[in-house]
Amino acid sequence: MRVERRVPRQQAENPQWIGADPLRRFQDWRADWVARCPTDPAAVVLATVGPDGRPTARYVDLAYVDTGFVFFTSYRSRKATDLAVSPYAELCFGWLETSRQVRVNGPVERLDPLASDEYYTRLPRPVQLLAWSTDQRSVLDESLTDRIVATERRFAGQEIPRPTQWGGLRLLPEQIEFWQGGPAGAPDRLRYRHTGDGWAGERIAP
């Protein structure tokens, strides 16, 4: 017998929410999601386009939100090399337990090196070691564990500096779209477009 997974529906938003700041609304929705203790609250799908014009998507960890959406990676990774050629991307947050989805797209820029340094120093030492020991585009020709052990020996008794090939990327939102499940099965969908000096919101068909 097939058992259907039922997702609890949120009540539709008040029409006045069209005028809200989309970054503030995102933070409110994300806080609601995190409060439900998901397995990985930082996970978000990042979609990029490679030099061959083909899209690729993968999960990344959202580090924080300031003027944009910041995540960290190796600058030699597929995502980073894609963005070096076509510096536009989309993030998709699928918060199914709250029957919500948020999509964000826009240009991507590298974080200032000092900001990447500051974030790197707060990472657990095993994560710092991994950043030195792996190259996401290469085929492993030796044990990754051996690489990590060698890196640990190299930096034994000292702080591990940030490798120059690792750092932050910030997606600057040009468009943010909120999708909210409705109590009668009719979702509510709202799109914000950045106008240069603010945001313009509009309700669109689901």
N, C-alpha and C. Protein backbone atom coordinates (compact mmCIF):
# COMPACT_ATOMS: atom_id res chain seq x y z
N MET A 1 0.85 -1.20 0.00
CA MET A 1 0.00 0.00 0.00
C MET A 1 0.88 1.25 0.00
N ARG A 2 0.57 2.16 -0.85
CA ARG A 2 1.35 3.39 -0.94
C ARG A 2 0.91 4.37 0.14
N VAL A 3 1.88 4.89 0.89
CA VAL A 3 1.59 5.87 1.94
C VAL A 3 2.08 7.22 1.47
N GLU A 4 1.19 8.18 1.39
CA GLU A 4 1.55 9.52 0.94
C GLU A 4 2.08 10.33 2.11
N ARG A 5 3.13 11.07 1.84
CA ARG A 5 3.70 11.95 2.85
C ARG A 5 2.95 13.28 2.83
N ARG A 6 2.32 13.60 3.93
CA ARG A 6 1.55 14.84 3.99
C ARG A 6 2.40 15.95 4.60
N VAL A 7 2.46 17.06 3.91
CA VAL A 7 3.23 18.20 4.37
C VAL A 7 2.27 19.22 4.96
N PRO A 8 2.50 19.66 6.22
CA PRO A 8 1.61 20.64 6.81
C PRO A 8 1.64 21.95 6.03
N ARG A 9 0.48 22.50 5.80
CA ARG A 9 0.36 23.74 5.03
C ARG A 9 0.31 24.94 5.94
N GLN A 10 1.04 25.98 5.56
CA GLN A 10 0.98 27.24 6.27
C GLN A 10 -0.24 28.02 5.77
N GLN A 11 -0.71 28.92 6.60
CA GLN A 11 -1.77 29.80 6.17
C GLN A 11 -1.22 30.79 5.16
N ALA A 12 -2.03 31.18 4.20
CA ALA A 12 -1.60 32.15 3.19
C ALA A 12 -1.21 33.46 3.86
N GLU A 13 -0.24 34.14 3.29
CA GLU A 13 0.24 35.38 3.84
C GLU A 13 -0.77 36.51 3.64
N ASN A 14 -0.71 37.48 4.53
CA ASN A 14 -1.53 38.68 4.39
C ASN A 14 -1.09 39.44 3.15
N PRO A 15 -2.02 39.94 2.34
CA PRO A 15 -1.63 40.68 1.12
C PRO A 15 -0.65 41.82 1.38
N GLN A 16 -0.64 42.37 2.61
CA GLN A 16 0.26 43.48 2.90
C GLN A 16 1.73 43.09 2.87
N TRP A 17 2.01 41.79 2.88
CA TRP A 17 3.41 41.37 2.91
C TRP A 17 4.13 41.66 1.59
N ILE A 18 3.39 42.07 0.57
CA ILE A 18 4.04 42.43 -0.70
C ILE A 18 5.02 43.58 -0.49
N GLY A 19 4.69 44.48 0.42
CA GLY A 19 5.55 45.64 0.63
C GLY A 19 6.71 45.39 1.57
N ALA A 20 6.87 44.18 2.09
CA ALA A 20 7.92 43.90 3.06
C ALA A 20 9.29 43.82 2.40
N ASP A 21 10.34 44.02 3.20
CA ASP A 21 11.71 43.86 2.74
C ASP A 21 11.96 42.37 2.51
N PRO A 22 12.31 41.95 1.28
CA PRO A 22 12.45 40.52 1.01
C PRO A 22 13.59 39.87 1.79
N LEU A 23 14.68 40.59 2.06
CA LEU A 23 15.77 40.00 2.84
C LEU A 23 15.33 39.76 4.28
N ARG A 24 14.55 40.68 4.82
CA ARG A 24 14.02 40.49 6.18
C ARG A 24 13.04 39.32 6.20
N ARG A 25 12.20 39.23 5.19
CA ARG A 25 11.25 38.12 5.13
C ARG A 25 11.98 36.78 4.98
N PHE A 26 13.04 36.79 4.18
CA PHE A 26 13.82 35.57 4.06
C PHE A 26 14.37 35.14 5.42
N GLN A 27 14.92 36.09 6.16
CA GLN A 27 15.48 35.76 7.47
C GLN A 27 14.41 35.22 8.41
N ASP A 28 13.21 35.78 8.35
CA ASP A 28 12.10 35.30 9.19
C ASP A 28 11.72 33.88 8.81
N TRP A 29 11.60 33.61 7.51
CA TRP A 29 11.25 32.26 7.06
C TRP A 29 12.35 31.27 7.43
N ARG A 30 13.59 31.67 7.27
CA ARG A 30 14.70 30.78 7.59
C ARG A 30 14.74 30.48 9.09
N ALA A 31 14.49 31.48 9.92
CA ALA A 31 14.47 31.26 11.36
C ALA A 31 13.37 30.27 11.73
N ASP A 32 12.22 30.36 11.07
CA ASP A 32 11.13 29.43 11.30
C ASP A 32 11.55 28.01 10.93
N TRP A 33 12.27 27.90 9.80
CA TRP A 33 12.76 26.59 9.34
C TRP A 33 13.77 26.02 10.33
N VAL A 34 14.74 26.83 10.74
CA VAL A 34 15.79 26.36 11.64
C VAL A 34 15.20 25.93 12.98
N ALA A 35 14.16 26.62 13.43
CA ALA A 35 13.52 26.28 14.70
C ALA A 35 12.92 24.88 14.69
N ARG A 36 12.67 24.34 13.51
CA ARG A 36 12.11 22.99 13.39
C ARG A 36 13.19 21.91 13.41
N CYS A 37 14.45 22.33 13.61
CA CYS A 37 15.58 21.41 13.75
C CYS A 37 15.74 20.47 12.55
N PRO A 38 15.90 21.01 11.34
CA PRO A 38 16.13 20.14 10.17
C PRO A 38 17.49 19.47 10.27
N THR A 39 17.70 18.46 9.44
CA THR A 39 18.98 17.73 9.46
C THR A 39 20.14 18.66 9.14
N ASP A 40 20.00 19.50 8.12
CA ASP A 40 21.08 20.40 7.73
C ASP A 40 20.48 21.76 7.40
N PRO A 41 20.35 22.65 8.38
CA PRO A 41 19.66 23.92 8.16
C PRO A 41 20.37 24.87 7.21
N ALA A 42 21.67 24.64 6.95
CA ALA A 42 22.41 25.55 6.08
C ALA A 42 22.34 25.15 4.61
N ALA A 43 21.83 23.96 4.32
CA ALA A 43 21.89 23.43 2.95
C ALA A 43 20.96 24.18 2.00
N VAL A 44 21.48 24.49 0.81
CA VAL A 44 20.71 25.14 -0.23
C VAL A 44 21.25 24.67 -1.58
N VAL A 45 20.39 24.56 -2.57
CA VAL A 45 20.82 24.15 -3.91
C VAL A 45 21.34 25.37 -4.67
N LEU A 46 22.55 25.24 -5.20
CA LEU A 46 23.16 26.28 -6.03
C LEU A 46 23.22 25.79 -7.47
N ALA A 47 22.67 26.56 -8.40
CA ALA A 47 22.71 26.22 -9.82
C ALA A 47 23.59 27.22 -10.56
N THR A 48 24.50 26.67 -11.38
CA THR A 48 25.38 27.50 -12.21
C THR A 48 25.35 26.98 -13.64
N VAL A 49 25.98 27.72 -14.53
CA VAL A 49 26.08 27.31 -15.94
C VAL A 49 27.55 27.29 -16.33
N GLY A 50 27.98 26.16 -16.92
CA GLY A 50 29.38 26.01 -17.30
C GLY A 50 29.70 26.62 -18.64
N PRO A 51 30.96 26.58 -19.03
CA PRO A 51 31.40 27.12 -20.32
C PRO A 51 30.71 26.46 -21.51
N ASP A 52 30.24 25.21 -21.32
CA ASP A 52 29.55 24.50 -22.40
C ASP A 52 28.06 24.84 -22.46
N GLY A 53 27.60 25.76 -21.60
CA GLY A 53 26.20 26.17 -21.59
C GLY A 53 25.29 25.22 -20.84
N ARG A 54 25.84 24.18 -20.24
CA ARG A 54 25.01 23.21 -19.52
C ARG A 54 24.92 23.57 -18.03
N PRO A 55 23.72 23.48 -17.46
CA PRO A 55 23.57 23.81 -16.04
C PRO A 55 24.08 22.68 -15.14
N THR A 56 24.55 23.04 -13.97
CA THR A 56 24.89 22.08 -12.94
C THR A 56 24.32 22.60 -11.62
N ALA A 57 23.94 21.68 -10.74
CA ALA A 57 23.37 22.05 -9.45
C ALA A 57 23.94 21.15 -8.37
N ARG A 58 24.10 21.72 -7.18
CA ARG A 58 24.61 20.96 -6.05
C ARG A 58 24.21 21.70 -4.77
N TYR A 59 24.24 20.97 -3.66
CA TYR A 59 24.00 21.61 -2.37
C TYR A 59 25.28 22.31 -1.90
N VAL A 60 25.11 23.49 -1.33
CA VAL A 60 26.18 24.18 -0.63
C VAL A 60 25.63 24.62 0.73
N ASP A 61 26.52 25.06 1.60
CA ASP A 61 26.10 25.59 2.90
C ASP A 61 26.03 27.10 2.83
N LEU A 62 24.87 27.66 3.15
CA LEU A 62 24.75 29.11 3.25
C LEU A 62 25.43 29.54 4.55
N ALA A 63 26.48 30.35 4.44
CA ALA A 63 27.22 30.78 5.63
C ALA A 63 26.47 31.88 6.38
N TYR A 64 26.05 32.91 5.64
CA TYR A 64 25.31 34.00 6.25
C TYR A 64 24.73 34.89 5.16
N VAL A 65 23.88 35.84 5.57
CA VAL A 65 23.27 36.79 4.65
C VAL A 65 23.61 38.19 5.14
N ASP A 66 24.18 39.00 4.25
CA ASP A 66 24.41 40.41 4.56
C ASP A 66 23.74 41.23 3.45
N THR A 67 24.51 41.80 2.56
CA THR A 67 23.91 42.44 1.39
C THR A 67 23.57 41.40 0.31
N GLY A 68 24.04 40.19 0.53
CA GLY A 68 23.78 39.08 -0.38
C GLY A 68 23.84 37.77 0.38
N PHE A 69 23.91 36.68 -0.37
CA PHE A 69 23.89 35.33 0.19
C PHE A 69 25.29 34.74 0.03
N VAL A 70 25.96 34.48 1.15
CA VAL A 70 27.38 34.14 1.15
C VAL A 70 27.59 32.65 1.40
N PHE A 71 28.43 32.04 0.59
CA PHE A 71 28.85 30.66 0.79
C PHE A 71 30.34 30.57 0.48
N PHE A 72 30.97 29.48 0.92
CA PHE A 72 32.42 29.33 0.78
C PHE A 72 32.75 28.04 0.04
N THR A 73 33.84 28.09 -0.72
CA THR A 73 34.22 26.93 -1.52
C THR A 73 35.66 27.08 -1.98
N SER A 74 36.18 26.04 -2.61
CA SER A 74 37.46 26.15 -3.30
C SER A 74 37.25 26.91 -4.60
N TYR A 75 38.12 27.84 -4.89
CA TYR A 75 38.02 28.59 -6.14
C TYR A 75 38.40 27.73 -7.35
N ARG A 76 38.86 26.50 -7.09
CA ARG A 76 39.15 25.56 -8.17
C ARG A 76 38.01 24.58 -8.40
N SER A 77 36.94 24.70 -7.61
CA SER A 77 35.80 23.79 -7.74
C SER A 77 35.02 24.07 -9.02
N ARG A 78 34.15 23.14 -9.39
CA ARG A 78 33.34 23.31 -10.60
C ARG A 78 32.45 24.55 -10.49
N LYS A 79 31.86 24.74 -9.32
CA LYS A 79 30.97 25.89 -9.16
C LYS A 79 31.71 27.21 -9.34
N ALA A 80 32.93 27.28 -8.78
CA ALA A 80 33.69 28.52 -8.86
C ALA A 80 34.19 28.77 -10.28
N THR A 81 34.62 27.73 -10.97
CA THR A 81 35.08 27.91 -12.35
C THR A 81 33.91 28.24 -13.28
N ASP A 82 32.73 27.66 -13.02
CA ASP A 82 31.53 28.05 -13.76
C ASP A 82 31.28 29.54 -13.60
N LEU A 83 31.34 30.02 -12.35
CA LEU A 83 31.02 31.41 -12.06
C LEU A 83 32.08 32.37 -12.60
N ALA A 84 33.30 31.89 -12.76
CA ALA A 84 34.34 32.73 -13.35
C ALA A 84 34.03 33.03 -14.81
N VAL A 85 33.32 32.10 -15.48
CA VAL A 85 32.97 32.28 -16.89
C VAL A 85 31.60 32.97 -17.02
N SER A 86 30.64 32.51 -16.25
CA SER A 86 29.29 33.10 -16.27
C SER A 86 28.91 33.45 -14.84
N PRO A 87 29.17 34.68 -14.41
CA PRO A 87 29.04 35.04 -12.99
C PRO A 87 27.61 35.31 -12.53
N TYR A 88 26.69 34.43 -12.90
CA TYR A 88 25.31 34.51 -12.44
C TYR A 88 24.89 33.13 -11.93
N ALA A 89 24.06 33.12 -10.89
CA ALA A 89 23.66 31.85 -10.30
C ALA A 89 22.28 31.99 -9.67
N GLU A 90 21.73 30.84 -9.27
CA GLU A 90 20.46 30.82 -8.56
C GLU A 90 20.58 29.89 -7.36
N LEU A 91 19.99 30.31 -6.25
CA LEU A 91 19.87 29.49 -5.06
C LEU A 91 18.41 29.08 -4.90
N CYS A 92 18.18 27.84 -4.45
CA CYS A 92 16.82 27.37 -4.22
C CYS A 92 16.76 26.73 -2.84
N PHE A 93 15.95 27.33 -1.97
CA PHE A 93 15.73 26.81 -0.62
C PHE A 93 14.40 26.05 -0.62
N GLY A 94 14.43 24.77 -0.33
CA GLY A 94 13.22 23.96 -0.30
C GLY A 94 12.88 23.56 1.12
N TRP A 95 12.04 24.34 1.77
CA TRP A 95 11.69 24.09 3.17
C TRP A 95 10.34 23.38 3.21
N LEU A 96 10.36 22.08 2.93
CA LEU A 96 9.13 21.33 2.71
C LEU A 96 8.29 21.21 3.97
N GLU A 97 8.93 21.12 5.14
CA GLU A 97 8.15 20.99 6.37
C GLU A 97 7.28 22.21 6.65
N THR A 98 7.62 23.34 6.08
CA THR A 98 6.80 24.54 6.22
C THR A 98 6.06 24.86 4.93
N SER A 99 6.14 23.95 3.94
CA SER A 99 5.50 24.14 2.65
C SER A 99 5.91 25.47 2.01
N ARG A 100 7.23 25.70 2.03
CA ARG A 100 7.76 26.94 1.50
C ARG A 100 8.96 26.68 0.59
N GLN A 101 9.12 27.57 -0.38
CA GLN A 101 10.30 27.56 -1.24
C GLN A 101 10.71 29.01 -1.49
N VAL A 102 12.02 29.24 -1.52
CA VAL A 102 12.54 30.56 -1.86
C VAL A 102 13.60 30.39 -2.94
N ARG A 103 13.50 31.18 -4.01
CA ARG A 103 14.49 31.18 -5.08
C ARG A 103 15.11 32.57 -5.15
N VAL A 104 16.44 32.58 -5.29
CA VAL A 104 17.18 33.85 -5.34
C VAL A 104 18.16 33.77 -6.51
N ASN A 105 18.16 34.79 -7.37
CA ASN A 105 19.15 34.79 -8.45
C ASN A 105 19.76 36.16 -8.63
N GLY A 106 20.97 36.16 -9.22
CA GLY A 106 21.68 37.40 -9.44
C GLY A 106 23.14 37.14 -9.69
N PRO A 107 23.93 38.20 -9.85
CA PRO A 107 25.36 38.05 -10.09
C PRO A 107 26.09 37.59 -8.82
N VAL A 108 27.25 36.98 -9.03
CA VAL A 108 28.05 36.47 -7.91
C VAL A 108 29.43 37.13 -7.95
N GLU A 109 29.89 37.56 -6.78
CA GLU A 109 31.21 38.18 -6.65
C GLU A 109 32.02 37.45 -5.59
N ARG A 110 33.35 37.59 -5.69
CA ARG A 110 34.20 37.03 -4.65
C ARG A 110 34.17 37.91 -3.41
N LEU A 111 34.24 37.27 -2.27
CA LEU A 111 34.30 37.99 -1.01
C LEU A 111 35.68 38.62 -0.86
N ASP A 112 35.73 39.72 -0.13
CA ASP A 112 37.01 40.34 0.19
C ASP A 112 37.89 39.33 0.93
N PRO A 113 39.20 39.24 0.58
CA PRO A 113 40.08 38.25 1.23
C PRO A 113 40.08 38.33 2.75
N LEU A 114 39.99 39.53 3.31
CA LEU A 114 39.98 39.66 4.77
C LEU A 114 38.72 39.03 5.37
N ALA A 115 37.58 39.16 4.66
CA ALA A 115 36.35 38.54 5.14
C ALA A 115 36.45 37.02 5.06
N SER A 116 37.09 36.52 4.01
CA SER A 116 37.30 35.07 3.91
C SER A 116 38.24 34.58 5.01
N ASP A 117 39.29 35.36 5.30
CA ASP A 117 40.20 35.01 6.38
C ASP A 117 39.46 34.91 7.72
N GLU A 118 38.62 35.90 7.98
CA GLU A 118 37.92 35.96 9.25
C GLU A 118 37.00 34.75 9.42
N TYR A 119 36.30 34.38 8.34
CA TYR A 119 35.41 33.22 8.43
C TYR A 119 36.21 31.93 8.58
N TYR A 120 37.31 31.82 7.88
CA TYR A 120 38.12 30.61 7.91
C TYR A 120 38.67 30.34 9.31
N THR A 121 39.06 31.39 10.02
CA THR A 121 39.63 31.20 11.35
C THR A 121 38.61 30.63 12.33
N ARG A 122 37.32 30.76 12.04
CA ARG A 122 36.28 30.25 12.94
C ARG A 122 35.87 28.81 12.61
N LEU A 123 36.42 28.24 11.54
CA LEU A 123 36.09 26.87 11.17
C LEU A 123 36.79 25.87 12.08
N PRO A 124 36.19 24.70 12.30
CA PRO A 124 36.90 23.65 13.05
C PRO A 124 38.19 23.26 12.33
N ARG A 125 39.20 22.90 13.08
CA ARG A 125 40.49 22.56 12.49
C ARG A 125 40.39 21.45 11.43
N PRO A 126 39.58 20.38 11.62
CA PRO A 126 39.46 19.37 10.56
C PRO A 126 38.96 19.94 9.24
N VAL A 127 38.06 20.93 9.30
CA VAL A 127 37.57 21.55 8.07
C VAL A 127 38.66 22.38 7.42
N GLN A 128 39.46 23.07 8.24
CA GLN A 128 40.58 23.83 7.70
C GLN A 128 41.59 22.91 7.01
N LEU A 129 41.85 21.78 7.62
CA LEU A 129 42.78 20.82 7.03
C LEU A 129 42.25 20.29 5.70
N LEU A 130 40.94 20.04 5.63
CA LEU A 130 40.35 19.53 4.41
C LEU A 130 40.48 20.54 3.27
N ALA A 131 40.32 21.83 3.60
CA ALA A 131 40.45 22.87 2.58
C ALA A 131 41.83 22.86 1.94
N TRP A 132 42.86 22.50 2.69
CA TRP A 132 44.21 22.41 2.17
C TRP A 132 44.45 21.10 1.42
N SER A 133 43.72 20.05 1.79
CA SER A 133 44.07 18.69 1.36
C SER A 133 43.33 18.18 0.14
N THR A 134 42.29 18.89 -0.29
CA THR A 134 41.48 18.36 -1.39
C THR A 134 41.39 19.35 -2.55
N ASP A 135 41.27 18.79 -3.74
CA ASP A 135 41.03 19.56 -4.96
C ASP A 135 39.82 18.92 -5.63
N GLN A 136 38.68 19.63 -5.61
CA GLN A 136 37.42 19.03 -6.04
C GLN A 136 37.39 18.65 -7.52
N ARG A 137 38.30 19.17 -8.32
CA ARG A 137 38.31 18.86 -9.75
C ARG A 137 39.26 17.72 -10.11
N SER A 138 40.03 17.23 -9.12
CA SER A 138 41.05 16.24 -9.42
C SER A 138 40.56 14.82 -9.09
N VAL A 139 41.20 13.85 -9.72
CA VAL A 139 40.97 12.44 -9.41
C VAL A 139 41.96 12.05 -8.31
N LEU A 140 41.47 11.41 -7.26
CA LEU A 140 42.35 11.04 -6.15
C LEU A 140 43.35 9.99 -6.60
N ASP A 141 44.63 10.30 -6.48
CA ASP A 141 45.67 9.33 -6.80
C ASP A 141 46.37 8.83 -5.54
N GLU A 142 45.84 9.26 -4.39
CA GLU A 142 46.35 8.80 -3.11
C GLU A 142 45.22 8.94 -2.09
N SER A 143 45.42 8.38 -0.90
CA SER A 143 44.40 8.44 0.13
C SER A 143 44.20 9.89 0.60
N LEU A 144 42.94 10.32 0.66
CA LEU A 144 42.66 11.65 1.19
C LEU A 144 43.09 11.74 2.64
N THR A 145 42.93 10.64 3.37
CA THR A 145 43.37 10.62 4.76
C THR A 145 44.87 10.90 4.86
N ASP A 146 45.66 10.32 3.93
CA ASP A 146 47.11 10.56 3.93
C ASP A 146 47.41 12.03 3.68
N ARG A 147 46.64 12.65 2.79
CA ARG A 147 46.85 14.07 2.51
C ARG A 147 46.58 14.91 3.76
N ILE A 148 45.48 14.58 4.45
CA ILE A 148 45.11 15.33 5.64
C ILE A 148 46.17 15.17 6.73
N VAL A 149 46.66 13.94 6.90
CA VAL A 149 47.71 13.69 7.89
C VAL A 149 48.97 14.50 7.55
N ALA A 150 49.33 14.53 6.27
CA ALA A 150 50.51 15.29 5.86
C ALA A 150 50.33 16.79 6.11
N THR A 151 49.10 17.27 5.87
CA THR A 151 48.82 18.69 6.12
C THR A 151 48.87 19.00 7.61
N GLU A 152 48.37 18.10 8.42
CA GLU A 152 48.41 18.28 9.87
C GLU A 152 49.86 18.36 10.36
N ARG A 153 50.71 17.51 9.81
CA ARG A 153 52.13 17.55 10.17
C ARG A 153 52.75 18.89 9.77
N ARG A 154 52.36 19.37 8.60
CA ARG A 154 52.92 20.63 8.08
C ARG A 154 52.61 21.79 9.01
N PHE A 155 51.39 21.80 9.57
CA PHE A 155 50.97 22.92 10.41
C PHE A 155 50.91 22.55 11.89
N ALA A 156 51.61 21.51 12.29
CA ALA A 156 51.59 21.06 13.69
C ALA A 156 52.04 22.19 14.61
N GLY A 157 51.24 22.40 15.67
CA GLY A 157 51.61 23.40 16.67
C GLY A 157 51.39 24.83 16.27
N GLN A 158 50.68 25.08 15.17
CA GLN A 158 50.43 26.45 14.73
C GLN A 158 49.05 26.58 14.12
N GLU A 159 48.59 27.82 14.00
CA GLU A 159 47.32 28.06 13.34
C GLU A 159 47.45 27.77 11.85
N ILE A 160 46.35 27.33 11.24
CA ILE A 160 46.37 27.00 9.82
C ILE A 160 45.87 28.20 9.03
N PRO A 161 46.70 28.78 8.17
CA PRO A 161 46.25 29.93 7.38
C PRO A 161 45.28 29.50 6.29
N ARG A 162 44.47 30.43 5.84
CA ARG A 162 43.54 30.12 4.76
C ARG A 162 44.30 29.90 3.46
N PRO A 163 44.04 28.77 2.77
CA PRO A 163 44.67 28.59 1.46
C PRO A 163 44.11 29.61 0.46
N THR A 164 44.96 30.12 -0.40
CA THR A 164 44.53 31.17 -1.32
C THR A 164 43.47 30.71 -2.29
N GLN A 165 43.38 29.38 -2.53
CA GLN A 165 42.39 28.88 -3.48
C GLN A 165 41.02 28.64 -2.83
N TRP A 166 40.86 29.02 -1.57
CA TRP A 166 39.60 28.81 -0.85
C TRP A 166 39.10 30.15 -0.33
N GLY A 167 37.79 30.39 -0.51
CA GLY A 167 37.26 31.66 -0.02
C GLY A 167 35.77 31.78 -0.26
N GLY A 168 35.26 32.97 -0.03
CA GLY A 168 33.82 33.19 -0.08
C GLY A 168 33.34 33.74 -1.40
N LEU A 169 32.07 33.45 -1.69
CA LEU A 169 31.36 33.99 -2.84
C LEU A 169 30.04 34.57 -2.34
N ARG A 170 29.66 35.70 -2.90
CA ARG A 170 28.42 36.36 -2.48
C ARG A 170 27.50 36.52 -3.69
N LEU A 171 26.30 35.94 -3.60
CA LEU A 171 25.28 36.15 -4.62
C LEU A 171 24.51 37.42 -4.26
N LEU A 172 24.55 38.40 -5.14
CA LEU A 172 23.84 39.67 -4.94
C LEU A 172 22.46 39.56 -5.57
N PRO A 173 21.40 39.51 -4.76
CA PRO A 173 20.08 39.21 -5.30
C PRO A 173 19.51 40.31 -6.19
N GLU A 174 19.13 39.93 -7.39
CA GLU A 174 18.39 40.81 -8.28
C GLU A 174 16.91 40.46 -8.25
N GLN A 175 16.63 39.19 -7.94
CA GLN A 175 15.24 38.72 -7.88
C GLN A 175 15.13 37.68 -6.77
N ILE A 176 14.09 37.80 -5.95
CA ILE A 176 13.80 36.84 -4.88
C ILE A 176 12.34 36.44 -5.00
N GLU A 177 12.11 35.14 -5.07
CA GLU A 177 10.73 34.65 -5.22
C GLU A 177 10.37 33.74 -4.04
N PHE A 178 9.24 34.06 -3.42
CA PHE A 178 8.72 33.28 -2.30
C PHE A 178 7.52 32.47 -2.76
N TRP A 179 7.51 31.20 -2.38
CA TRP A 179 6.39 30.30 -2.69
C TRP A 179 5.87 29.75 -1.38
N GLN A 180 4.59 29.93 -1.13
CA GLN A 180 3.96 29.52 0.12
C GLN A 180 2.74 28.65 -0.16
N GLY A 181 2.74 27.43 0.38
CA GLY A 181 1.59 26.56 0.23
C GLY A 181 0.36 27.15 0.90
N GLY A 182 -0.80 26.99 0.28
CA GLY A 182 -2.04 27.52 0.83
C GLY A 182 -2.86 26.44 1.52
N PRO A 183 -3.77 26.83 2.42
CA PRO A 183 -4.58 25.86 3.17
C PRO A 183 -5.52 25.05 2.29
N ALA A 184 -5.90 25.57 1.13
CA ALA A 184 -6.83 24.86 0.25
C ALA A 184 -6.10 24.26 -0.95
N GLY A 185 -4.77 24.16 -0.86
CA GLY A 185 -4.00 23.60 -1.97
C GLY A 185 -3.62 24.60 -3.03
N ALA A 186 -4.01 25.88 -2.87
CA ALA A 186 -3.67 26.93 -3.83
C ALA A 186 -2.50 27.73 -3.27
N PRO A 187 -1.29 27.56 -3.81
CA PRO A 187 -0.13 28.26 -3.26
C PRO A 187 -0.15 29.75 -3.55
N ASP A 188 0.59 30.48 -2.73
CA ASP A 188 0.76 31.91 -2.89
C ASP A 188 2.19 32.14 -3.36
N ARG A 189 2.36 32.95 -4.39
CA ARG A 189 3.68 33.14 -5.00
C ARG A 189 3.94 34.63 -5.17
N LEU A 190 5.07 35.08 -4.66
CA LEU A 190 5.39 36.51 -4.70
C LEU A 190 6.81 36.70 -5.20
N ARG A 191 6.99 37.62 -6.13
CA ARG A 191 8.30 37.88 -6.72
C ARG A 191 8.72 39.32 -6.42
N TYR A 192 9.95 39.46 -5.94
CA TYR A 192 10.54 40.78 -5.74
C TYR A 192 11.63 41.01 -6.78
N ARG A 193 11.67 42.19 -7.34
CA ARG A 193 12.74 42.57 -8.27
C ARG A 193 13.47 43.78 -7.68
N HIS A 194 14.80 43.73 -7.74
CA HIS A 194 15.59 44.86 -7.23
C HIS A 194 15.56 45.98 -8.25
N THR A 195 15.22 47.18 -7.79
CA THR A 195 15.05 48.31 -8.70
C THR A 195 16.21 49.28 -8.67
N GLY A 196 17.25 48.98 -7.91
CA GLY A 196 18.39 49.89 -7.81
C GLY A 196 18.41 50.62 -6.49
N ASP A 197 17.26 51.17 -6.08
CA ASP A 197 17.18 51.86 -4.80
C ASP A 197 16.17 51.20 -3.86
N GLY A 198 15.73 50.02 -4.19
CA GLY A 198 14.76 49.32 -3.36
C GLY A 198 14.24 48.08 -4.05
N TRP A 199 13.09 47.61 -3.60
CA TRP A 199 12.49 46.39 -4.13
C TRP A 199 11.05 46.64 -4.57
N ALA A 200 10.66 46.02 -5.67
CA ALA A 200 9.28 46.08 -6.14
C ALA A 200 8.72 44.66 -6.07
N GLY A 201 7.61 44.50 -5.36
CA GLY A 201 7.01 43.18 -5.21
C GLY A 201 5.74 43.05 -6.02
N GLU A 202 5.49 41.81 -6.49
CA GLU A 202 4.27 41.55 -7.25
C GLU A 202 3.85 40.10 -7.03
N ARG A 203 2.56 39.90 -6.90
CA ARG A 203 2.03 38.54 -6.77
C ARG A 203 1.87 37.95 -8.16
N ILE A 204 2.32 36.71 -8.34
CA ILE A 204 2.25 36.07 -9.66
C ILE A 204 1.52 34.73 -9.53
N ALA A 205 1.07 34.23 -10.66
CA ALA A 205 0.28 33.00 -10.65
C ALA A 205 1.15 31.82 -10.21
N PRO A 206 0.56 30.88 -9.44
CA PRO A 206 1.33 29.71 -8.99
C PRO A 206 1.60 28.73 -10.11
